[in-house]
């Protein structure tokens, strides 16, 4: 049976872009291209709005990803004007901004995914100009870039939202989308943080007959 009323009572909530469970409640994020994205939550019975109007910025058209990291809930936005934003909350009610402007690059405007991996939070950008990027953080506040320029091909604008980001065999996988230029086909990239580089050693022993 249907759990909510259509659009949570707002026809401009055209779709549900992300789910996550936090503190035993289900959170749902919308795409709303007129008034800004919204976040609603439920205990399984009643839905309640916790964010409306795109965190006060109507340019936050969608919340593309929700995830939990270090006992906080994080929400990633799509903002085609000034770049993606990241917000977080301890209780789901009071939210604070983590970053704006696509981490210094407004072309990082399509926030494509968040995932917790190896005790770090990973942020995948959608960048239709120079290619997708990957950033990570150990605390959710300070960020380090580890993926650049569409993995060497700017046609890789990023993963296809959270759908193509996954952890498997202690490695992080991302499948790319190519939507700007004629496609040569999507790619899959693997990140292995446990790689160890060792020199190749060949041990040869010669025996001589007496």
Protein backbone atom coordinates (compact mmCIF):
# COMPACT_ATOMS: atom_id res chain seq x y z
CA UNK A 1 0.00 0.00 0.00
CA UNK A 2 1.12 3.60 -0.51
CA UNK A 3 2.95 4.98 2.50
CA UNK A 4 2.65 8.73 1.86
CA UNK A 5 0.30 11.11 0.10
CA UNK A 6 1.41 12.10 -3.38
CA UNK A 7 4.43 14.42 -3.19
CA UNK A 8 3.91 14.68 0.57
CA UNK A 9 1.07 17.02 -0.31
CA UNK A 10 3.21 19.11 -2.70
CA UNK A 11 2.93 18.31 -6.41
CA UNK A 12 6.29 20.03 -6.99
CA UNK A 13 7.97 17.13 -5.17
CA UNK A 14 8.28 15.25 -8.44
CA UNK A 15 10.17 12.25 -7.14
CA UNK A 16 12.07 10.60 -4.30
CA UNK A 17 15.81 10.86 -4.86
CA UNK A 18 17.29 9.12 -1.82
CA UNK A 19 16.52 7.00 1.23
CA UNK A 20 18.44 6.20 4.40
CA UNK A 21 17.72 4.96 7.91
CA UNK A 22 18.95 7.07 10.82
CA UNK A 23 18.12 6.66 14.51
CA UNK A 24 15.47 4.07 13.70
CA UNK A 25 13.59 6.35 11.32
CA UNK A 26 13.38 6.27 7.53
CA UNK A 27 14.40 9.44 5.72
CA UNK A 28 13.26 10.28 2.18
CA UNK A 29 14.64 13.14 0.08
CA UNK A 30 12.82 14.73 -2.84
CA UNK A 31 13.57 16.48 -6.09
CA UNK A 32 11.75 19.78 -6.37
CA UNK A 33 12.75 22.10 -9.21
CA UNK A 34 10.55 24.98 -8.12
CA UNK A 35 10.74 25.41 -4.37
CA UNK A 36 13.87 23.40 -3.54
CA UNK A 37 14.36 19.83 -2.34
CA UNK A 38 12.77 18.48 0.84
CA UNK A 39 13.55 15.79 3.43
CA UNK A 40 10.82 13.83 5.20
CA UNK A 41 11.07 11.12 7.81
CA UNK A 42 8.82 8.48 9.29
CA UNK A 43 8.67 6.14 12.23
CA UNK A 44 6.69 3.78 10.03
CA UNK A 45 3.37 5.47 10.69
CA UNK A 46 3.55 9.23 10.14
CA UNK A 47 5.65 11.28 7.73
CA UNK A 48 7.06 14.58 9.00
CA UNK A 49 8.94 17.25 7.06
CA UNK A 50 12.38 18.05 8.46
CA UNK A 51 13.74 20.16 5.57
CA UNK A 52 11.86 22.22 2.98
CA UNK A 53 12.98 24.79 0.44
CA UNK A 54 16.36 23.23 -0.30
CA UNK A 55 17.89 24.17 3.07
CA UNK A 56 16.75 27.72 2.36
CA UNK A 57 18.31 27.73 -1.11
CA UNK A 58 15.85 27.00 -3.90
CA UNK A 59 18.78 26.27 -6.22
CA UNK A 60 19.25 23.01 -4.31
CA UNK A 61 16.90 21.28 -6.72
CA UNK A 62 17.51 17.73 -5.54
CA UNK A 63 18.93 15.85 -2.64
CA UNK A 64 20.70 13.14 -4.54
CA UNK A 65 22.16 11.13 -1.69
CA UNK A 66 21.59 10.48 2.01
CA UNK A 67 23.99 8.52 4.19
CA UNK A 68 25.01 8.07 7.81
CA UNK A 69 28.59 8.66 8.94
CA UNK A 70 29.99 9.01 12.47
CA UNK A 71 26.50 9.08 14.03
CA UNK A 72 25.32 11.92 11.79
CA UNK A 73 23.07 11.98 8.76
CA UNK A 74 24.45 13.66 5.62
CA UNK A 75 22.55 15.07 2.64
CA UNK A 76 24.13 15.93 -0.72
CA UNK A 77 22.45 18.38 -3.09
CA UNK A 78 22.37 19.15 -6.79
CA UNK A 79 22.78 22.85 -7.44
CA UNK A 80 23.33 23.81 -11.06
CA UNK A 81 23.98 27.47 -10.24
CA UNK A 82 26.61 27.56 -7.52
CA UNK A 83 27.69 23.93 -7.07
CA UNK A 84 26.67 21.04 -4.86
CA UNK A 85 26.25 21.44 -1.14
CA UNK A 86 26.65 19.01 1.75
CA UNK A 87 24.61 19.23 4.95
CA UNK A 88 24.58 17.15 8.12
CA UNK A 89 22.62 16.72 11.33
CA UNK A 90 22.94 14.99 14.69
CA UNK A 91 19.20 14.58 15.15
CA UNK A 92 17.63 15.03 11.71
CA UNK A 93 16.04 18.33 12.75
CA UNK A 94 18.87 20.84 13.15
CA UNK A 95 21.16 20.89 10.11
CA UNK A 96 24.53 22.51 9.52
CA UNK A 97 26.29 23.21 6.25
CA UNK A 98 29.49 21.27 5.59
CA UNK A 99 30.42 22.83 2.26
CA UNK A 100 28.98 24.85 -0.61
CA UNK A 101 30.10 25.55 -4.15
CA UNK A 102 31.11 22.00 -5.05
CA UNK A 103 34.15 22.10 -2.78
CA UNK A 104 35.61 25.12 -4.54
CA UNK A 105 34.47 24.25 -8.06
CA UNK A 106 30.94 25.35 -9.06
CA UNK A 107 31.12 22.93 -12.00
CA UNK A 108 30.85 20.18 -9.38
CA UNK A 109 27.16 20.95 -9.46
CA UNK A 110 25.65 17.51 -9.71
CA UNK A 111 26.26 15.76 -6.43
CA UNK A 112 26.19 12.13 -7.51
CA UNK A 113 26.85 10.11 -4.42
CA UNK A 114 27.93 9.59 -0.83
CA UNK A 115 29.21 6.36 0.64
CA UNK A 116 30.97 5.32 3.83
CA UNK A 117 33.96 3.12 3.14
CA UNK A 118 36.95 2.13 5.25
CA UNK A 119 35.83 4.48 8.06
CA UNK A 120 35.81 7.47 5.71
CA UNK A 121 33.10 9.40 3.90
CA UNK A 122 33.42 9.52 0.10
CA UNK A 123 31.82 12.21 -2.07
CA UNK A 124 31.41 11.64 -5.82
CA UNK A 125 30.82 14.72 -7.94
CA UNK A 126 29.04 15.11 -11.22
CA UNK A 127 31.03 17.48 -13.41
CA UNK A 128 30.00 17.85 -17.06
CA UNK A 129 32.90 20.19 -17.80
CA UNK A 130 36.13 18.50 -16.74
CA UNK A 131 34.84 15.11 -15.56
CA UNK A 132 33.76 13.64 -12.25
CA UNK A 133 35.82 13.87 -9.10
CA UNK A 134 36.12 11.84 -5.88
CA UNK A 135 36.77 13.34 -2.45
CA UNK A 136 37.05 11.72 0.96
CA UNK A 137 36.99 12.80 4.59
CA UNK A 138 37.84 11.20 7.90
CA UNK A 139 35.68 13.60 9.92
CA UNK A 140 33.12 14.98 7.45
CA UNK A 141 34.67 18.44 7.65
CA UNK A 142 38.12 18.30 6.01
CA UNK A 143 38.27 16.89 2.50
CA UNK A 144 40.98 15.36 0.32
CA UNK A 145 40.63 14.84 -3.43
CA UNK A 146 41.59 11.37 -4.65
CA UNK A 147 39.84 11.18 -8.04
CA UNK A 148 40.46 13.69 -10.81
CA UNK A 149 39.03 14.70 -14.18
CA UNK A 150 36.75 11.74 -14.85
CA UNK A 151 39.45 9.21 -14.00
CA UNK A 152 41.56 10.64 -16.81
CA UNK A 153 38.66 11.01 -19.26
CA UNK A 154 36.47 14.12 -18.94
CA UNK A 155 33.67 12.27 -20.75
CA UNK A 156 33.22 10.32 -17.50
CA UNK A 157 31.00 12.96 -15.89
CA UNK A 158 30.66 10.87 -12.72
CA UNK A 159 28.89 7.76 -11.49
CA UNK A 160 25.21 7.28 -12.23
CA UNK A 161 24.16 8.51 -8.80
CA UNK A 162 24.38 6.07 -5.87
CA UNK A 163 23.23 3.28 -8.18
CA UNK A 164 26.74 2.70 -9.49
CA UNK A 165 28.80 3.08 -6.31
CA UNK A 166 29.34 -0.09 -4.31
CA UNK A 167 31.73 -1.84 -1.92
CA UNK A 168 32.85 -5.35 -2.84
CA UNK A 169 35.70 -7.45 -1.47
CA UNK A 170 37.01 -4.51 0.58
CA UNK A 171 37.28 -2.37 -2.53
CA UNK A 172 35.24 0.59 -3.70
CA UNK A 173 33.75 0.39 -7.20
CA UNK A 174 32.28 3.20 -9.32
CA UNK A 175 30.59 2.87 -12.69
CA UNK A 176 30.72 5.96 -14.88
CA UNK A 177 28.23 7.74 -17.10
CA UNK A 178 29.09 9.41 -20.41
CA UNK A 179 26.29 11.74 -21.39
CA UNK A 180 27.87 14.89 -22.87
CA UNK A 181 29.64 13.59 -25.97
CA UNK A 182 28.85 10.52 -28.09
CA UNK A 183 29.40 7.67 -25.71
CA UNK A 184 32.11 5.06 -26.00
CA UNK A 185 30.48 3.12 -23.21
CA UNK A 186 30.49 3.33 -19.45
CA UNK A 187 33.53 2.37 -17.44
CA UNK A 188 34.03 0.69 -14.06
CA UNK A 189 36.80 1.87 -11.76
CA UNK A 190 38.06 0.21 -8.61
CA UNK A 191 39.70 1.87 -5.63
CA UNK A 192 41.80 -0.34 -3.36
CA UNK A 193 43.09 1.56 -0.31
CA UNK A 194 45.07 -1.47 0.86
CA UNK A 195 47.44 -1.62 -2.09
CA UNK A 196 51.04 -2.26 -1.19
CA UNK A 197 53.86 -1.71 -3.61
CA UNK A 198 56.77 -4.14 -3.24
CA UNK A 199 59.83 -4.61 -5.43
CA UNK A 200 60.04 -7.71 -7.51
CA UNK A 201 62.70 -9.96 -5.98
CA UNK A 202 63.99 -13.02 -7.74
CA UNK A 203 66.10 -15.29 -5.57
CA UNK A 204 68.32 -17.59 -7.61
CA UNK A 205 70.61 -20.22 -6.04
CA UNK A 206 73.21 -22.03 -8.09
CA UNK A 207 74.59 -25.37 -7.11
CA UNK A 208 77.97 -26.55 -8.23
CA UNK A 209 79.00 -30.15 -8.25
CA UNK A 210 82.15 -30.80 -6.26
